[in-house]
N, C-alpha and C. Protein backbone atom coordinates (compact mmCIF):
# COMPACT_ATOMS: atom_id res chain seq x y z
N UNK A 1 -5.31 13.86 24.58
CA UNK A 1 -5.18 13.95 23.11
C UNK A 1 -3.93 12.93 22.73
N UNK A 2 -4.17 12.10 22.12
CA UNK A 2 -3.09 11.07 21.58
C UNK A 2 -2.22 11.50 20.40
N UNK A 3 -1.06 11.20 20.50
CA UNK A 3 -0.09 11.66 19.37
C UNK A 3 0.00 10.34 18.43
N UNK A 4 -0.09 10.57 17.34
CA UNK A 4 -0.07 9.51 16.42
C UNK A 4 1.49 9.39 15.81
N UNK A 5 1.96 8.10 15.45
CA UNK A 5 3.26 8.08 15.04
C UNK A 5 3.14 7.32 13.73
N UNK A 6 3.67 7.83 12.78
CA UNK A 6 3.64 7.21 11.35
C UNK A 6 4.95 6.54 11.06
N UNK A 7 4.90 5.44 10.47
CA UNK A 7 6.12 4.71 10.16
C UNK A 7 6.25 4.90 8.47
N UNK A 8 5.43 5.94 8.05
CA UNK A 8 5.29 5.93 6.55
C UNK A 8 6.69 6.12 5.96
N UNK A 9 6.98 5.41 4.98
CA UNK A 9 8.15 5.58 4.19
C UNK A 9 8.20 6.41 3.01
N UNK A 10 8.37 7.77 3.29
CA UNK A 10 8.34 8.76 2.27
C UNK A 10 9.52 8.61 1.35
N UNK A 11 9.64 7.95 0.22
CA UNK A 11 10.67 7.78 -0.47
C UNK A 11 10.77 8.87 -1.69
N UNK A 12 12.07 9.16 -1.98
CA UNK A 12 12.22 10.20 -2.97
C UNK A 12 11.76 9.74 -4.35
N UNK A 13 11.35 10.63 -5.18
CA UNK A 13 10.93 10.26 -6.65
C UNK A 13 11.97 9.38 -7.25
N UNK A 14 11.53 8.24 -7.86
CA UNK A 14 12.48 7.40 -8.50
C UNK A 14 13.09 6.29 -7.62
N UNK A 15 12.69 6.37 -6.39
CA UNK A 15 13.16 5.15 -5.49
C UNK A 15 12.48 4.10 -5.80
N UNK A 16 13.01 2.89 -5.51
CA UNK A 16 12.17 1.58 -5.47
C UNK A 16 11.08 1.55 -4.85
N UNK A 17 9.84 1.14 -5.56
CA UNK A 17 8.63 0.97 -5.05
C UNK A 17 8.60 -0.31 -3.93
N UNK A 18 7.83 -0.06 -2.87
CA UNK A 18 7.60 -1.09 -1.85
C UNK A 18 6.67 -2.09 -2.46
N UNK A 19 6.81 -3.26 -1.72
CA UNK A 19 5.89 -4.43 -2.29
C UNK A 19 4.58 -4.06 -1.62
N UNK A 20 3.43 -4.77 -2.15
CA UNK A 20 2.24 -4.77 -1.59
C UNK A 20 2.03 -5.27 -0.27
N UNK A 21 2.95 -6.31 0.00
CA UNK A 21 3.14 -6.86 1.42
C UNK A 21 3.66 -5.74 2.54
N UNK A 22 4.53 -5.13 1.98
CA UNK A 22 5.25 -4.06 2.94
C UNK A 22 4.22 -3.14 3.26
N UNK A 23 3.49 -2.45 2.27
CA UNK A 23 2.53 -1.52 2.55
C UNK A 23 1.36 -2.05 3.40
N UNK A 24 0.85 -3.34 3.03
CA UNK A 24 -0.06 -3.92 3.73
C UNK A 24 0.19 -4.07 5.31
N UNK A 25 1.56 -4.29 5.53
CA UNK A 25 2.01 -4.37 7.01
C UNK A 25 1.73 -3.03 7.73
N UNK A 26 2.10 -1.93 6.83
CA UNK A 26 2.04 -0.55 7.43
C UNK A 26 0.51 -0.22 7.69
N UNK A 27 -0.29 -0.61 6.83
CA UNK A 27 -1.93 -0.40 6.89
C UNK A 27 -2.31 -1.05 8.39
N UNK A 28 -1.86 -2.37 8.34
CA UNK A 28 -2.36 -3.14 9.58
C UNK A 28 -1.78 -2.40 10.85
N UNK A 29 -0.62 -1.94 10.79
CA UNK A 29 0.12 -1.24 12.07
C UNK A 29 -0.73 0.10 12.28
N UNK A 30 -1.15 0.70 11.28
CA UNK A 30 -2.05 1.85 11.42
C UNK A 30 -3.25 1.65 12.07
N UNK A 31 -4.03 0.65 11.72
CA UNK A 31 -5.05 0.23 12.32
C UNK A 31 -4.95 -0.07 13.91
N UNK A 32 -3.79 -0.77 14.02
CA UNK A 32 -3.62 -1.38 15.43
C UNK A 32 -3.30 -0.14 16.31
N UNK A 33 -2.36 0.88 15.99
CA UNK A 33 -2.15 1.96 16.63
C UNK A 33 -3.47 2.83 16.84
N UNK A 34 -4.41 2.82 15.98
CA UNK A 34 -5.56 3.71 16.05
C UNK A 34 -6.64 2.91 16.94
N UNK A 35 -6.53 1.75 17.19
CA UNK A 35 -7.40 1.04 18.12
C UNK A 35 -8.76 0.77 17.31
N UNK A 36 -8.74 0.88 15.93
CA UNK A 36 -9.95 0.48 15.17
C UNK A 36 -10.66 1.80 14.84
N UNK A 37 -10.31 3.10 15.23
CA UNK A 37 -10.98 4.22 14.88
C UNK A 37 -10.01 5.18 14.26
N UNK A 38 -9.95 5.55 13.15
CA UNK A 38 -8.99 6.44 12.59
C UNK A 38 -9.41 8.02 12.75
N UNK A 39 -8.62 8.72 13.25
CA UNK A 39 -8.70 10.22 13.26
C UNK A 39 -8.51 10.84 11.88
N UNK A 40 -8.83 12.10 11.65
CA UNK A 40 -8.75 12.59 10.25
C UNK A 40 -7.46 12.45 9.70
N UNK A 41 -6.36 12.80 10.49
CA UNK A 41 -4.98 12.60 9.85
C UNK A 41 -4.75 11.11 9.56
N UNK A 42 -5.24 10.28 10.37
CA UNK A 42 -4.91 8.73 10.21
C UNK A 42 -5.63 8.42 8.85
N UNK A 43 -6.89 8.88 8.78
CA UNK A 43 -7.76 8.49 7.49
C UNK A 43 -7.02 8.94 6.20
N UNK A 44 -6.37 10.23 6.31
CA UNK A 44 -5.61 10.59 5.00
C UNK A 44 -4.46 9.66 4.81
N UNK A 45 -3.83 9.21 5.93
CA UNK A 45 -2.70 8.30 5.71
C UNK A 45 -3.00 6.95 5.32
N UNK A 46 -4.21 6.51 5.82
CA UNK A 46 -4.85 5.13 5.22
C UNK A 46 -5.06 5.38 3.93
N UNK A 47 -5.70 6.26 3.30
CA UNK A 47 -6.03 6.66 2.03
C UNK A 47 -4.76 6.53 1.14
N UNK A 48 -3.71 7.21 1.60
CA UNK A 48 -2.58 7.25 0.87
C UNK A 48 -1.97 5.84 0.67
N UNK A 49 -1.93 5.16 1.97
CA UNK A 49 -1.39 3.82 1.78
C UNK A 49 -2.16 2.86 1.02
N UNK A 50 -3.62 3.05 0.87
CA UNK A 50 -4.37 2.11 0.12
C UNK A 50 -3.94 2.44 -1.38
N UNK A 51 -3.77 3.49 -1.58
CA UNK A 51 -3.37 3.94 -3.10
C UNK A 51 -2.09 3.42 -3.42
N UNK A 52 -1.01 3.50 -2.51
CA UNK A 52 0.18 2.87 -2.71
C UNK A 52 0.04 1.42 -2.77
N UNK A 53 -0.80 0.82 -1.88
CA UNK A 53 -0.93 -0.73 -2.00
C UNK A 53 -1.43 -1.10 -3.45
N UNK A 54 -2.45 -0.51 -3.88
CA UNK A 54 -3.06 -0.64 -5.18
C UNK A 54 -2.08 -0.69 -6.09
N UNK A 55 -1.18 0.37 -6.28
CA UNK A 55 -0.22 0.43 -7.30
C UNK A 55 0.81 -0.59 -7.13
N UNK A 56 1.15 -1.07 -6.06
CA UNK A 56 2.16 -2.14 -5.86
C UNK A 56 1.68 -3.55 -5.96
N UNK A 57 0.34 -3.73 -5.90
CA UNK A 57 -0.25 -4.99 -6.03
C UNK A 57 -0.03 -5.62 -7.40
N UNK A 58 0.27 -6.91 -7.47
CA UNK A 58 0.45 -7.71 -8.83
C UNK A 58 -0.69 -7.50 -9.45
N UNK A 59 -0.63 -7.30 -10.88
CA UNK A 59 -1.70 -7.22 -11.82
C UNK A 59 -1.98 -8.72 -12.49
N UNK A 60 -3.00 -9.00 -12.59
CA UNK A 60 -3.28 -10.39 -13.33
C UNK A 60 -3.01 -10.34 -14.81
N UNK A 61 -2.40 -11.28 -15.18
CA UNK A 61 -1.98 -11.26 -16.73
C UNK A 61 -3.19 -11.12 -17.55
N UNK A 62 -3.06 -10.41 -18.80
CA UNK A 62 -4.28 -10.27 -19.51
C UNK A 62 -4.34 -11.62 -20.55
N UNK A 63 -5.52 -11.60 -21.17
CA UNK A 63 -5.80 -12.69 -22.03
C UNK A 63 -4.69 -12.71 -23.15
N UNK A 64 -4.35 -11.68 -23.67
CA UNK A 64 -3.38 -11.52 -24.75
C UNK A 64 -1.98 -12.13 -24.22
N UNK A 65 -1.57 -11.65 -22.95
CA UNK A 65 -0.30 -12.08 -22.40
C UNK A 65 -0.27 -13.47 -22.28
N UNK A 66 -1.51 -14.12 -21.78
CA UNK A 66 -1.47 -15.57 -21.54
C UNK A 66 -1.38 -16.35 -22.88
N UNK A 67 -1.99 -15.87 -23.81
CA UNK A 67 -2.11 -16.39 -25.14
C UNK A 67 -0.78 -16.66 -25.70
N UNK A 68 0.04 -15.32 -25.59
CA UNK A 68 1.31 -15.19 -26.23
C UNK A 68 2.41 -16.16 -25.50
N UNK A 69 2.17 -16.21 -24.30
CA UNK A 69 3.24 -17.13 -23.49
C UNK A 69 2.88 -18.64 -23.84
N UNK A 70 1.85 -19.02 -24.11
CA UNK A 70 1.46 -20.42 -24.45
C UNK A 70 1.93 -20.71 -25.94
N UNK A 71 2.13 -19.78 -26.87
CA UNK A 71 2.44 -19.91 -28.16
C UNK A 71 4.05 -19.97 -28.14
N UNK A 72 4.70 -19.48 -27.13
CA UNK A 72 6.19 -19.52 -27.15
C UNK A 72 6.72 -20.91 -26.87
C-alpha cells in the first residue's frame, strides 16, 4: 500500500488566493505522484484542486467591459 503525500496549501480564510499556474503545478505533481491512476483520496484532492484552479483562472473580459475601455 502506497502512502500519498499532498503538497496542498490549505490557506486560512481570507488568505491570498494562489494563481492558476500555482494550482496547475500542484495538479501536475499529483498526477506524477499517482503514476497516472488516482486513488479515491487522490481523486477527491484532484477535484478540489480543479475547483481552486477554475476560481483562480483569469476571466475573459465581457463585451461591456471591452466597449467601455475603448470609449475611455
